[in-house]
Amino acid sequence: MLHAIVLASLVVQAPALPPALRDSFVAVSAPVVALTHVMVVDGTGAPPALDQTIVIRDGKIQSVGRFRSVVIPPEAQRLELSGHTVIPGIVGMHDHA
């Protein structure tokens, strides 16, 4: 689960980093990435949203929603992440990898 949190954070933050530094941490550097079948915890106190897709374009979250309701652009690199949790906005504040 933590892997998806860190991955989403790094993908979202990737454009702000110098390329040499970014490439040493980010495994996915496609301009459009779709994280599919994840559980999303939004931090509002709402229950976790299950089976979600997050589309990230140019380092910013473009859309989030149920897997079948989000349009995934054909050029997106898809990451099937069933069993993983994503918490948008958490940027590796504390983790043990």
Protein backbone atom coordinates (compact mmCIF):
# COMPACT_ATOMS: atom_id res chain seq x y z
CA MET A 1 0.00 0.00 0.00
CA LEU A 2 2.71 2.46 0.92
CA HIS A 3 4.30 1.87 -2.48
CA ALA A 4 1.25 3.38 -4.24
CA ILE A 5 1.24 6.36 -1.89
CA VAL A 6 4.89 7.08 -2.55
CA LEU A 7 4.49 6.43 -6.29
CA ALA A 8 1.55 8.81 -6.60
CA SER A 9 3.41 11.44 -4.63
CA LEU A 10 6.51 11.15 -6.77
CA VAL A 11 4.60 11.13 -10.04
CA VAL A 12 2.69 14.24 -9.01
CA GLN A 13 5.88 15.99 -7.87
CA ALA A 14 8.07 14.86 -10.77
CA PRO A 15 7.95 18.01 -12.98
CA ALA A 16 9.14 20.26 -10.14
CA LEU A 17 12.39 18.33 -9.66
CA PRO A 18 15.52 18.70 -11.79
CA PRO A 19 15.62 15.78 -14.26
CA ALA A 20 18.73 14.13 -12.76
CA LEU A 21 17.21 14.10 -9.26
CA ARG A 22 13.74 13.13 -10.48
CA ASP A 23 15.04 10.19 -12.50
CA SER A 24 16.84 8.76 -9.47
CA PHE A 25 13.53 8.46 -7.56
CA VAL A 26 10.73 8.18 -10.12
CA ALA A 27 10.14 4.89 -11.89
CA VAL A 28 7.34 6.29 -14.06
CA SER A 29 8.03 9.43 -16.06
CA ALA A 30 5.29 9.30 -18.69
CA PRO A 31 3.46 12.62 -19.24
CA VAL A 32 0.12 10.90 -18.58
CA VAL A 33 -0.26 8.14 -15.98
CA ALA A 34 -3.38 6.27 -14.87
CA LEU A 35 -3.36 4.56 -11.47
CA THR A 36 -6.17 2.00 -11.69
CA HIS A 37 -8.12 -0.01 -9.11
CA VAL A 38 -6.73 1.88 -6.10
CA MET A 39 -8.37 2.79 -2.82
CA VAL A 40 -8.32 6.57 -2.31
CA VAL A 41 -8.25 8.14 1.15
CA ASP A 42 -8.95 11.84 0.65
CA GLY A 43 -8.25 13.07 4.17
CA THR A 44 -11.68 14.63 4.68
CA GLY A 45 -12.94 11.93 7.03
CA ALA A 46 -15.09 10.36 4.31
CA PRO A 47 -14.88 6.58 3.97
CA PRO A 48 -12.15 5.34 1.62
CA ALA A 49 -13.24 5.26 -2.03
CA LEU A 50 -12.75 1.79 -3.48
CA ASP A 51 -11.84 0.76 -7.05
CA GLN A 52 -10.77 4.24 -8.13
CA THR A 53 -8.75 5.48 -11.08
CA ILE A 54 -6.50 8.52 -10.84
CA VAL A 55 -5.30 10.16 -14.05
CA ILE A 56 -2.19 12.32 -13.66
CA ARG A 57 -1.22 14.63 -16.53
CA ASP A 58 1.95 16.69 -16.53
CA GLY A 59 2.43 16.15 -12.82
CA LYS A 60 -1.07 17.19 -11.75
CA ILE A 61 -4.12 15.11 -10.90
CA GLN A 62 -6.51 15.47 -13.82
CA SER A 63 -9.32 13.21 -12.66
CA VAL A 64 -10.33 10.77 -9.94
CA GLY A 65 -13.34 8.47 -9.88
CA ARG A 66 -14.71 4.96 -10.05
CA PHE A 67 -12.72 2.76 -12.42
CA ARG A 68 -15.41 2.52 -15.10
CA SER A 69 -16.40 6.21 -14.90
CA VAL A 70 -13.00 7.83 -15.55
CA VAL A 71 -11.85 8.20 -19.14
CA ILE A 72 -8.26 7.04 -19.40
CA PRO A 73 -6.48 8.80 -22.26
CA PRO A 74 -5.10 6.32 -24.81
CA GLU A 75 -1.57 7.68 -24.38
CA ALA A 76 -1.60 7.12 -20.60
CA GLN A 77 0.78 4.67 -19.02
CA ARG A 78 -1.51 2.44 -16.97
CA LEU A 79 -0.47 1.09 -13.61
CA GLU A 80 -2.74 -1.66 -12.26
CA LEU A 81 -2.53 -1.17 -8.49
CA SER A 82 -5.23 -3.39 -6.95
CA GLY A 83 -4.67 -3.68 -3.22
CA HIS A 84 -2.85 -0.33 -3.00
CA THR A 85 -3.96 2.85 -1.27
CA VAL A 86 -3.39 6.39 -2.55
CA ILE A 87 -3.56 9.46 -0.35
CA PRO A 88 -3.32 12.52 -2.65
CA GLY A 89 -1.26 15.31 -1.13
CA ILE A 90 1.00 13.10 0.99
CA VAL A 91 4.51 13.60 -0.32
CA GLY A 92 6.64 11.00 1.44
CA MET A 93 6.46 12.93 4.72
CA HIS A 94 7.58 9.84 6.62
CA ASP A 95 8.05 6.37 5.24
CA HIS A 96 10.26 3.32 5.56
CA ALA A 97 10.94 1.69 2.23
